[in-house]
Amino acid sequence: MLNLIFVFAIIISFVFYFYFKTKQFRSPLPIAKKWYKSKANVGFGAFILFFGCNQAYLFPGLYTFIIVAILVVLGIFVIIENIKKARHYGQFVEEECRINQ
């Protein structure tokens, strides 16, 4: 059951990443591009985190836990940094859209 939850979370985070990466490429505004990029990277960080947790569940072993620890720390770091960036750029997106349209 826990494996299905991890697989579902991995799929959702990949869809989240792909959606915002597509929005980034389609946006003509530079600040909006950075905002979408940071939101996409939150999805990528979640993907790394859930993938690591899934591997720890599927293959319990010493080497696996070492690699999973690295993946979890990296995933959490990517998520936290890009949430900060998304909040920062989010302040300016509405103003940029209003000015350029």
PDB file of N, CA and C in Angstrom:
ATOM      1  N   MET A   1       0.816  -1.198   0.000  1.00  0.00           N
ATOM      2  CA  MET A   1       0.000   0.000   0.000  1.00  0.00           C
ATOM      3  C   MET A   1       0.861   1.263   0.000  1.00  0.00           C
ATOM      4  N   LEU A   2       1.914   1.252   0.814  1.00  0.00           N
ATOM      5  CA  LEU A   2       2.798   2.413   0.889  1.00  0.00           C
ATOM      6  C   LEU A   2       3.514   2.641  -0.442  1.00  0.00           C
ATOM      7  N   ASN A   3       3.841   1.553  -1.123  1.00  0.00           N
ATOM      8  CA  ASN A   3       4.478   1.671  -2.433  1.00  0.00           C
ATOM      9  C   ASN A   3       3.559   2.388  -3.423  1.00  0.00           C
ATOM     10  N   LEU A   4       2.272   2.086  -3.400  1.00  0.00           N
ATOM     11  CA  LEU A   4       1.319   2.749  -4.296  1.00  0.00           C
ATOM     12  C   LEU A   4       1.214   4.244  -3.999  1.00  0.00           C
ATOM     13  N   ILE A   5       1.291   4.594  -2.733  1.00  0.00           N
ATOM     14  CA  ILE A   5       1.252   6.010  -2.359  1.00  0.00           C
ATOM     15  C   ILE A   5       2.477   6.727  -2.907  1.00  0.00           C
ATOM     16  N   PHE A   6       3.656   6.107  -2.776  1.00  0.00           N
ATOM     17  CA  PHE A   6       4.878   6.717  -3.312  1.00  0.00           C
ATOM     18  C   PHE A   6       4.818   6.837  -4.830  1.00  0.00           C
ATOM     19  N   VAL A   7       4.333   5.806  -5.497  1.00  0.00           N
ATOM     20  CA  VAL A   7       4.229   5.846  -6.957  1.00  0.00           C
ATOM     21  C   VAL A   7       3.259   6.943  -7.395  1.00  0.00           C
ATOM     22  N   PHE A   8       2.136   7.070  -6.709  1.00  0.00           N
ATOM     23  CA  PHE A   8       1.175   8.126  -7.005  1.00  0.00           C
ATOM     24  C   PHE A   8       1.803   9.504  -6.797  1.00  0.00           C
ATOM     25  N   ALA A   9       2.549   9.672  -5.702  1.00  0.00           N
ATOM     26  CA  ALA A   9       3.211  10.952  -5.428  1.00  0.00           C
ATOM     27  C   ALA A   9       4.279  11.251  -6.471  1.00  0.00           C
ATOM     28  N   ILE A  10       5.001  10.239  -6.926  1.00  0.00           N
ATOM     29  CA  ILE A  10       6.012  10.426  -7.965  1.00  0.00           C
ATOM     30  C   ILE A  10       5.348  10.892  -9.259  1.00  0.00           C
ATOM     31  N   ILE A  11       4.260  10.265  -9.632  1.00  0.00           N
ATOM     32  CA  ILE A  11       3.556  10.636 -10.865  1.00  0.00           C
ATOM     33  C   ILE A  11       3.003  12.052 -10.769  1.00  0.00           C
ATOM     34  N   ILE A  12       2.383  12.389  -9.646  1.00  0.00           N
ATOM     35  CA  ILE A  12       1.819  13.726  -9.467  1.00  0.00           C
ATOM     36  C   ILE A  12       2.926  14.790  -9.504  1.00  0.00           C
ATOM     37  N   SER A  13       4.052  14.529  -8.865  1.00  0.00           N
ATOM     38  CA  SER A  13       5.141  15.514  -8.874  1.00  0.00           C
ATOM     39  C   SER A  13       5.734  15.666 -10.271  1.00  0.00           C
ATOM     40  N   PHE A  14       5.795  14.597 -11.049  1.00  0.00           N
ATOM     41  CA  PHE A  14       6.287  14.707 -12.416  1.00  0.00           C
ATOM     42  C   PHE A  14       5.317  15.507 -13.279  1.00  0.00           C
ATOM     43  N   VAL A  15       4.024  15.286 -13.106  1.00  0.00           N
ATOM     44  CA  VAL A  15       3.017  16.045 -13.850  1.00  0.00           C
ATOM     45  C   VAL A  15       3.100  17.521 -13.476  1.00  0.00           C
ATOM     46  N   PHE A  16       3.253  17.803 -12.195  1.00  0.00           N
ATOM     47  CA  PHE A  16       3.422  19.171 -11.705  1.00  0.00           C
ATOM     48  C   PHE A  16       4.641  19.817 -12.365  1.00  0.00           C
ATOM     49  N   TYR A  17       5.766  19.090 -12.401  1.00  0.00           N
ATOM     50  CA  TYR A  17       6.984  19.595 -13.035  1.00  0.00           C
ATOM     51  C   TYR A  17       6.754  19.872 -14.522  1.00  0.00           C
ATOM     52  N   PHE A  18       6.174  18.924 -15.221  1.00  0.00           N
ATOM     53  CA  PHE A  18       5.968  19.058 -16.657  1.00  0.00           C
ATOM     54  C   PHE A  18       5.018  20.204 -16.981  1.00  0.00           C
ATOM     55  N   TYR A  19       3.958  20.377 -16.187  1.00  0.00           N
ATOM     56  CA  TYR A  19       2.987  21.442 -16.409  1.00  0.00           C
ATOM     57  C   TYR A  19       3.642  22.817 -16.302  1.00  0.00           C
ATOM     58  N   PHE A  20       4.371  23.047 -15.226  1.00  0.00           N
ATOM     59  CA  PHE A  20       4.979  24.365 -15.045  1.00  0.00           C
ATOM     60  C   PHE A  20       6.173  24.593 -15.967  1.00  0.00           C
ATOM     61  N   LYS A  21       6.867  23.544 -16.363  1.00  0.00           N
ATOM     62  CA  LYS A  21       7.952  23.707 -17.332  1.00  0.00           C
ATOM     63  C   LYS A  21       7.375  24.124 -18.686  1.00  0.00           C
ATOM     64  N   THR A  22       6.241  23.559 -19.055  1.00  0.00           N
ATOM     65  CA  THR A  22       5.573  23.953 -20.291  1.00  0.00           C
ATOM     66  C   THR A  22       5.103  25.397 -20.211  1.00  0.00           C
ATOM     67  N   LYS A  23       4.534  25.799 -19.074  1.00  0.00           N
ATOM     68  CA  LYS A  23       4.114  27.190 -18.887  1.00  0.00           C
ATOM     69  C   LYS A  23       5.318  28.126 -18.966  1.00  0.00           C
ATOM     70  N   GLN A  24       6.466  27.694 -18.465  1.00  0.00           N
ATOM     71  CA  GLN A  24       7.678  28.513 -18.531  1.00  0.00           C
ATOM     72  C   GLN A  24       8.078  28.774 -19.980  1.00  0.00           C
ATOM     73  N   PHE A  25       8.075  27.754 -20.790  1.00  0.00           N
ATOM     74  CA  PHE A  25       8.481  27.911 -22.189  1.00  0.00           C
ATOM     75  C   PHE A  25       7.491  28.747 -22.988  1.00  0.00           C
ATOM     76  N   ARG A  26       6.229  28.719 -22.608  1.00  0.00           N
ATOM     77  CA  ARG A  26       5.210  29.440 -23.369  1.00  0.00           C
ATOM     78  C   ARG A  26       5.036  30.889 -22.925  1.00  0.00           C
ATOM     79  N   SER A  27       5.587  31.252 -21.788  1.00  0.00           N
ATOM     80  CA  SER A  27       5.415  32.607 -21.268  1.00  0.00           C
ATOM     81  C   SER A  27       6.398  33.572 -21.933  1.00  0.00           C
ATOM     82  N   PRO A  28       5.925  34.741 -22.387  1.00  0.00           N
ATOM     83  CA  PRO A  28       6.828  35.708 -23.005  1.00  0.00           C
ATOM     84  C   PRO A  28       7.485  36.652 -21.986  1.00  0.00           C
ATOM     85  N   LEU A  29       6.983  36.680 -20.765  1.00  0.00           N
ATOM     86  CA  LEU A  29       7.463  37.631 -19.767  1.00  0.00           C
ATOM     87  C   LEU A  29       8.599  37.039 -18.934  1.00  0.00           C
ATOM     88  N   PRO A  30       9.696  37.787 -18.733  1.00  0.00           N
ATOM     89  CA  PRO A  30      10.871  37.218 -18.054  1.00  0.00           C
ATOM     90  C   PRO A  30      10.647  36.858 -16.582  1.00  0.00           C
ATOM     91  N   ILE A  31       9.948  37.690 -15.839  1.00  0.00           N
ATOM     92  CA  ILE A  31       9.711  37.362 -14.428  1.00  0.00           C
ATOM     93  C   ILE A  31       8.758  36.172 -14.307  1.00  0.00           C
ATOM     94  N   ALA A  32       7.767  36.120 -15.175  1.00  0.00           N
ATOM     95  CA  ALA A  32       6.851  34.980 -15.158  1.00  0.00           C
ATOM     96  C   ALA A  32       7.595  33.689 -15.500  1.00  0.00           C
ATOM     97  N   LYS A  33       8.558  33.767 -16.418  1.00  0.00           N
ATOM     98  CA  LYS A  33       9.369  32.585 -16.742  1.00  0.00           C
ATOM     99  C   LYS A  33      10.122  32.086 -15.515  1.00  0.00           C
ATOM    100  N   LYS A  34      10.717  33.013 -14.763  1.00  0.00           N
ATOM    101  CA  LYS A  34      11.457  32.633 -13.557  1.00  0.00           C
ATOM    102  C   LYS A  34      10.512  32.057 -12.506  1.00  0.00           C
ATOM    103  N   TRP A  35       9.300  32.624 -12.408  1.00  0.00           N
ATOM    104  CA  TRP A  35       8.317  32.130 -11.454  1.00  0.00           C
ATOM    105  C   TRP A  35       7.889  30.711 -11.803  1.00  0.00           C
ATOM    106  N   TYR A  36       7.596  30.470 -13.078  1.00  0.00           N
ATOM    107  CA  TYR A  36       7.219  29.122 -13.502  1.00  0.00           C
ATOM    108  C   TYR A  36       8.373  28.140 -13.346  1.00  0.00           C
ATOM    109  N   LYS A  37       9.584  28.602 -13.597  1.00  0.00           N
ATOM    110  CA  LYS A  37      10.757  27.732 -13.448  1.00  0.00           C
ATOM    111  C   LYS A  37      10.917  27.295 -11.997  1.00  0.00           C
ATOM    112  N   SER A  38      10.753  28.228 -11.068  1.00  0.00           N
ATOM    113  CA  SER A  38      10.899  27.865  -9.661  1.00  0.00           C
ATOM    114  C   SER A  38       9.768  26.940  -9.216  1.00  0.00           C
ATOM    115  N   LYS A  39       8.556  27.133  -9.733  1.00  0.00           N
ATOM    116  CA  LYS A  39       7.451  26.234  -9.394  1.00  0.00           C
ATOM    117  C   LYS A  39       7.687  24.842  -9.986  1.00  0.00           C
ATOM    118  N   ALA A  40       8.257  24.796 -11.191  1.00  0.00           N
ATOM    119  CA  ALA A  40       8.569  23.498 -11.797  1.00  0.00           C
ATOM    120  C   ALA A  40       9.644  22.776 -10.985  1.00  0.00           C
ATOM    121  N   ASN A  41      10.612  23.521 -10.487  1.00  0.00           N
ATOM    122  CA  ASN A  41      11.671  22.905  -9.701  1.00  0.00           C
ATOM    123  C   ASN A  41      11.181  22.399  -8.351  1.00  0.00           C
ATOM    124  N   VAL A  42      10.113  22.968  -7.825  1.00  0.00           N
ATOM    125  CA  VAL A  42       9.495  22.405  -6.619  1.00  0.00           C
ATOM    126  C   VAL A  42       8.970  21.003  -6.935  1.00  0.00           C
ATOM    127  N   GLY A  43       8.347  20.854  -8.093  1.00  0.00           N
ATOM    128  CA  GLY A  43       7.880  19.536  -8.516  1.00  0.00           C
ATOM    129  C   GLY A  43       9.026  18.559  -8.720  1.00  0.00           C
ATOM    130  N   PHE A  44      10.135  19.057  -9.262  1.00  0.00           N
ATOM    131  CA  PHE A  44      11.304  18.202  -9.453  1.00  0.00           C
ATOM    132  C   PHE A  44      11.896  17.768  -8.114  1.00  0.00           C
ATOM    133  N   GLY A  45      11.952  18.691  -7.162  1.00  0.00           N
ATOM    134  CA  GLY A  45      12.446  18.345  -5.834  1.00  0.00           C
ATOM    135  C   GLY A  45      11.557  17.314  -5.153  1.00  0.00           C
ATOM    136  N   ALA A  46      10.242  17.451  -5.332  1.00  0.00           N
ATOM    137  CA  ALA A  46       9.312  16.469  -4.775  1.00  0.00           C
ATOM    138  C   ALA A  46       9.513  15.107  -5.442  1.00  0.00           C
ATOM    139  N   PHE A  47       9.776  15.136  -6.747  1.00  0.00           N
ATOM    140  CA  PHE A  47      10.048  13.885  -7.464  1.00  0.00           C
ATOM    141  C   PHE A  47      11.274  13.184  -6.871  1.00  0.00           C
ATOM    142  N   ILE A  48      12.350  13.933  -6.645  1.00  0.00           N
ATOM    143  CA  ILE A  48      13.569  13.360  -6.065  1.00  0.00           C
ATOM    144  C   ILE A  48      13.284  12.795  -4.673  1.00  0.00           C
ATOM    145  N   LEU A  49      12.558  13.551  -3.877  1.00  0.00           N
ATOM    146  CA  LEU A  49      12.239  13.130  -2.507  1.00  0.00           C
ATOM    147  C   LEU A  49      11.414  11.844  -2.501  1.00  0.00           C
ATOM    148  N   PHE A  50      10.332  11.808  -3.259  1.00  0.00           N
ATOM    149  CA  PHE A  50       9.469  10.624  -3.267  1.00  0.00           C
ATOM    150  C   PHE A  50      10.148   9.421  -3.919  1.00  0.00           C
ATOM    151  N   PHE A  51      10.974   9.669  -4.930  1.00  0.00           N
ATOM    152  CA  PHE A  51      11.708   8.570  -5.548  1.00  0.00           C
ATOM    153  C   PHE A  51      12.664   7.936  -4.541  1.00  0.00           C
ATOM    154  N   GLY A  52      13.359   8.768  -3.782  1.00  0.00           N
ATOM    155  CA  GLY A  52      14.261   8.242  -2.759  1.00  0.00           C
ATOM    156  C   GLY A  52      13.527   7.443  -1.701  1.00  0.00           C
ATOM    157  N   CYS A  53      12.392   7.955  -1.255  1.00  0.00           N
ATOM    158  CA  CYS A  53      11.606   7.231  -0.247  1.00  0.00           C
ATOM    159  C   CYS A  53      11.093   5.901  -0.800  1.00  0.00           C
ATOM    160  N   ASN A  54      10.693   5.894  -2.046  1.00  0.00           N
ATOM    161  CA  ASN A  54      10.213   4.667  -2.673  1.00  0.00           C
ATOM    162  C   ASN A  54      11.337   3.637  -2.780  1.00  0.00           C
ATOM    163  N   GLN A  55      12.527   4.076  -3.117  1.00  0.00           N
ATOM    164  CA  GLN A  55      13.652   3.143  -3.221  1.00  0.00           C
ATOM    165  C   GLN A  55      14.004   2.556  -1.858  1.00  0.00           C
ATOM    166  N   ALA A  56      13.917   3.377  -0.813  1.00  0.00           N
ATOM    167  CA  ALA A  56      14.188   2.870   0.533  1.00  0.00           C
ATOM    168  C   ALA A  56      13.163   1.813   0.932  1.00  0.00           C
ATOM    169  N   TYR A  57      11.927   2.015   0.510  1.00  0.00           N
ATOM    170  CA  TYR A  57      10.877   1.042   0.823  1.00  0.00           C
ATOM    171  C   TYR A  57      11.063  -0.256   0.030  1.00  0.00           C
ATOM    172  N   LEU A  58      11.446  -0.128  -1.245  1.00  0.00           N
ATOM    173  CA  LEU A  58      11.557  -1.308  -2.098  1.00  0.00           C
ATOM    174  C   LEU A  58      12.817  -2.133  -1.854  1.00  0.00           C
ATOM    175  N   PHE A  59      13.939  -1.464  -1.619  1.00  0.00           N
ATOM    176  CA  PHE A  59      15.239  -2.142  -1.506  1.00  0.00           C
ATOM    177  C   PHE A  59      15.941  -1.758  -0.214  1.00  0.00           C
ATOM    178  N   PRO A  60      15.504  -2.301   0.913  1.00  0.00           N
ATOM    179  CA  PRO A  60      16.168  -1.953   2.168  1.00  0.00           C
ATOM    180  C   PRO A  60      17.573  -2.561   2.226  1.00  0.00           C
ATOM    181  N   GLY A  61      18.537  -1.713   2.405  1.00  0.00           N
ATOM    182  CA  GLY A  61      19.922  -2.140   2.505  1.00  0.00           C
ATOM    183  C   GLY A  61      20.782  -0.950   2.877  1.00  0.00           C
ATOM    184  N   LEU A  62      21.997  -1.219   3.305  1.00  0.00           N
ATOM    185  CA  LEU A  62      22.873  -0.150   3.775  1.00  0.00           C
ATOM    186  C   LEU A  62      23.186   0.857   2.681  1.00  0.00           C
ATOM    187  N   TYR A  63      23.616   0.371   1.518  1.00  0.00           N
ATOM    188  CA  TYR A  63      23.973   1.286   0.428  1.00  0.00           C
ATOM    189  C   TYR A  63      22.754   2.059  -0.086  1.00  0.00           C
ATOM    190  N   THR A  64      21.641   1.387  -0.109  1.00  0.00           N
ATOM    191  CA  THR A  64      20.411   2.055  -0.543  1.00  0.00           C
ATOM    192  C   THR A  64      20.060   3.193   0.404  1.00  0.00           C
ATOM    193  N   PHE A  65      20.198   2.959   1.706  1.00  0.00           N
ATOM    194  CA  PHE A  65      19.865   4.002   2.671  1.00  0.00           C
ATOM    195  C   PHE A  65      20.824   5.183   2.593  1.00  0.00           C
ATOM    196  N   ILE A  66      22.067   4.933   2.254  1.00  0.00           N
ATOM    197  CA  ILE A  66      23.029   6.034   2.081  1.00  0.00           C
ATOM    198  C   ILE A  66      22.621   6.892   0.885  1.00  0.00           C
ATOM    199  N   ILE A  67      22.296   6.239  -0.213  1.00  0.00           N
ATOM    200  CA  ILE A  67      21.884   6.971  -1.421  1.00  0.00           C
ATOM    201  C   ILE A  67      20.545   7.664  -1.179  1.00  0.00           C
ATOM    202  N   VAL A  68      19.634   7.003  -0.497  1.00  0.00           N
ATOM    203  CA  VAL A  68      18.329   7.596  -0.202  1.00  0.00           C
ATOM    204  C   VAL A  68      18.489   8.820   0.687  1.00  0.00           C
ATOM    205  N   ALA A  69      19.400   8.772   1.646  1.00  0.00           N
ATOM    206  CA  ALA A  69      19.636   9.935   2.511  1.00  0.00           C
ATOM    207  C   ALA A  69      20.099  11.124   1.686  1.00  0.00           C
ATOM    208  N   ILE A  70      20.969  10.878   0.717  1.00  0.00           N
ATOM    209  CA  ILE A  70      21.436  11.954  -0.164  1.00  0.00           C
ATOM    210  C   ILE A  70      20.284  12.494  -0.998  1.00  0.00           C
ATOM    211  N   LEU A  71      19.466  11.602  -1.553  1.00  0.00           N
ATOM    212  CA  LEU A  71      18.329  12.032  -2.370  1.00  0.00           C
ATOM    213  C   LEU A  71      17.304  12.818  -1.554  1.00  0.00           C
ATOM    214  N   VAL A  72      17.034  12.386  -0.351  1.00  0.00           N
ATOM    215  CA  VAL A  72      16.050  13.073   0.488  1.00  0.00           C
ATOM    216  C   VAL A  72      16.549  14.469   0.863  1.00  0.00           C
ATOM    217  N   VAL A  73      17.807  14.565   1.265  1.00  0.00           N
ATOM    218  CA  VAL A  73      18.368  15.879   1.616  1.00  0.00           C
ATOM    219  C   VAL A  73      18.368  16.790   0.396  1.00  0.00           C
ATOM    220  N   LEU A  74      18.778  16.270  -0.744  1.00  0.00           N
ATOM    221  CA  LEU A  74      18.784  17.063  -1.974  1.00  0.00           C
ATOM    222  C   LEU A  74      17.372  17.490  -2.357  1.00  0.00           C
ATOM    223  N   GLY A  75      16.407  16.589  -2.270  1.00  0.00           N
ATOM    224  CA  GLY A  75      15.020  16.912  -2.602  1.00  0.00           C
ATOM    225  C   GLY A  75      14.450  17.988  -1.695  1.00  0.00           C
ATOM    226  N   ILE A  76      14.700  17.879  -0.399  1.00  0.00           N
ATOM    227  CA  ILE A  76      14.208  18.880   0.543  1.00  0.00           C
ATOM    228  C   ILE A  76      14.861  20.224   0.274  1.00  0.00           C
ATOM    229  N   PHE A  77      16.167  20.221  -0.006  1.00  0.00           N
ATOM    230  CA  PHE A  77      16.874  21.472  -0.308  1.00  0.00           C
ATOM    231  C   PHE A  77      16.304  22.134  -1.558  1.00  0.00           C
ATOM    232  N   VAL A  78      16.083  21.368  -2.607  1.00  0.00           N
ATOM    233  CA  VAL A  78      15.536  21.914  -3.850  1.00  0.00           C
ATOM    234  C   VAL A  78      14.132  22.475  -3.625  1.00  0.00           C
ATOM    235  N   ILE A  79      13.318  21.767  -2.870  1.00  0.00           N
ATOM    236  CA  ILE A  79      11.957  22.232  -2.597  1.00  0.00           C
ATOM    237  C   ILE A  79      11.978  23.550  -1.823  1.00  0.00           C
ATOM    238  N   ILE A  80      12.762  23.614  -0.753  1.00  0.00           N
ATOM    239  CA  ILE A  80      12.789  24.811   0.092  1.00  0.00           C
ATOM    240  C   ILE A  80      13.311  26.019  -0.679  1.00  0.00           C
ATOM    241  N   GLU A  81      14.422  25.850  -1.407  1.00  0.00           N
ATOM    242  CA  GLU A  81      14.993  26.978  -2.144  1.00  0.00           C
ATOM    243  C   GLU A  81      14.044  27.498  -3.219  1.00  0.00           C
ATOM    244  N   ASN A  82      13.370  26.607  -3.902  1.00  0.00           N
ATOM    245  CA  ASN A  82      12.495  27.045  -4.981  1.00  0.00           C
ATOM    246  C   ASN A  82      11.152  27.566  -4.482  1.00  0.00           C
ATOM    247  N   ILE A  83      10.720  27.161  -3.311  1.00  0.00           N
ATOM    248  CA  ILE A  83       9.534  27.792  -2.713  1.00  0.00           C
ATOM    249  C   ILE A  83       9.853  29.242  -2.379  1.00  0.00           C
ATOM    250  N   LYS A  84      11.053  29.479  -1.861  1.00  0.00           N
ATOM    251  CA  LYS A  84      11.473  30.855  -1.567  1.00  0.00           C
ATOM    252  C   LYS A  84      11.506  31.693  -2.847  1.00  0.00           C
ATOM    253  N   LYS A  85      12.067  31.117  -3.907  1.00  0.00           N
ATOM    254  CA  LYS A  85      12.137  31.836  -5.182  1.00  0.00           C
ATOM    255  C   LYS A  85      10.745  32.096  -5.751  1.00  0.00           C
ATOM    256  N   ALA A  86       9.867  31.121  -5.658  1.00  0.00           N
ATOM    257  CA  ALA A  86       8.509  31.287  -6.191  1.00  0.00           C
ATOM    258  C   ALA A  86       7.769  32.385  -5.439  1.00  0.00           C
ATOM    259  N   ARG A  87       7.941  32.447  -4.126  1.00  0.00           N
ATOM    260  CA  ARG A  87       7.312  33.523  -3.359  1.00  0.00           C
ATOM    261  C   ARG A  87       7.869  34.879  -3.754  1.00  0.00           C
ATOM    262  N   HIS A  88       9.182  34.937  -3.958  1.00  0.00           N
ATOM    263  CA  HIS A  88       9.812  36.204  -4.331  1.00  0.00           C
ATOM    264  C   HIS A  88       9.319  36.684  -5.697  1.00  0.00           C
ATOM    265  N   TYR A  89       9.369  35.809  -6.686  1.00  0.00           N
ATOM    266  CA  TYR A  89       8.943  36.201  -8.034  1.00  0.00           C
ATOM    267  C   TYR A  89       7.437  36.390  -8.126  1.00  0.00           C
ATOM    268  N   GLY A  90       6.689  35.695  -7.293  1.00  0.00           N
ATOM    269  CA  GLY A  90       5.236  35.814  -7.316  1.00  0.00           C
ATOM    270  C   GLY A  90       4.746  37.209  -6.998  1.00  0.00           C
ATOM    271  N   GLN A  91       5.542  37.960  -6.246  1.00  0.00           N
ATOM    272  CA  GLN A  91       5.176  39.333  -5.908  1.00  0.00           C
ATOM    273  C   GLN A  91       5.150  40.228  -7.142  1.00  0.00           C
ATOM    274  N   PHE A  92       5.980  39.910  -8.120  1.00  0.00           N
ATOM    275  CA  PHE A  92       6.152  40.783  -9.266  1.00  0.00           C
ATOM    276  C   PHE A  92       5.426  40.325 -10.528  1.00  0.00           C
ATOM    277  N   VAL A  93       4.878  39.122 -10.526  1.00  0.00           N
ATOM    278  CA  VAL A  93       4.255  38.574 -11.733  1.00  0.00           C
ATOM    279  C   VAL A  93       3.011  39.360 -12.126  1.00  0.00           C
ATOM    280  N   GLU A  94       2.159  39.631 -11.168  1.00  0.00           N
ATOM    281  CA  GLU A  94       0.925  40.362 -11.480  1.00  0.00           C
ATOM    282  C   GLU A  94       1.241  41.772 -11.998  1.00  0.00           C
ATOM    283  N   GLU A  95       2.212  42.418 -11.376  1.00  0.00           N
ATOM    284  CA  GLU A  95       2.605  43.763 -11.831  1.00  0.00           C
ATOM    285  C   GLU A  95       3.193  43.717 -13.247  1.00  0.00           C
ATOM    286  N   GLU A  96       4.007  42.707 -13.516  1.00  0.00           N
ATOM    287  CA  GLU A  96       4.610  42.564 -14.842  1.00  0.00           C
ATOM    288  C   GLU A  96       3.532  42.323 -15.906  1.00  0.00           C
ATOM    289  N   CYS A  97       2.562  41.487 -15.603  1.00  0.00           N
ATOM    290  CA  CYS A  97       1.479  41.221 -16.549  1.00  0.00           C
ATOM    291  C   CYS A  97       0.662  42.493 -16.814  1.00  0.00           C
ATOM    292  N   ARG A  98       0.413  43.253 -15.753  1.00  0.00           N
ATOM    293  CA  ARG A  98      -0.370  44.490 -15.900  1.00  0.00           C
ATOM    294  C   ARG A  98       0.395  45.523 -16.741  1.00  0.00           C
ATOM    295  N   ILE A  99       1.687  45.620 -16.552  1.00  0.00           N
ATOM    296  CA  ILE A  99       2.487  46.595 -17.304  1.00  0.00           C
ATOM    297  C   ILE A  99       2.611  46.206 -18.772  1.00  0.00           C
ATOM    298  N   ASN A 100       2.787  44.942 -19.058  1.00  0.00           N
ATOM    299  CA  ASN A 100       3.057  44.504 -20.438  1.00  0.00           C
ATOM    300  C   ASN A 100       1.812  44.219 -21.263  1.00  0.00           C
ATOM    301  N   GLN A 101       0.651  44.379 -20.687  1.00  0.00           N
ATOM    302  CA  GLN A 101      -0.542  44.106 -21.491  1.00  0.00           C
ATOM    303  C   GLN A 101      -1.479  45.269 -21.535  1.00  0.00           C
TER     304      GLN A 101
END
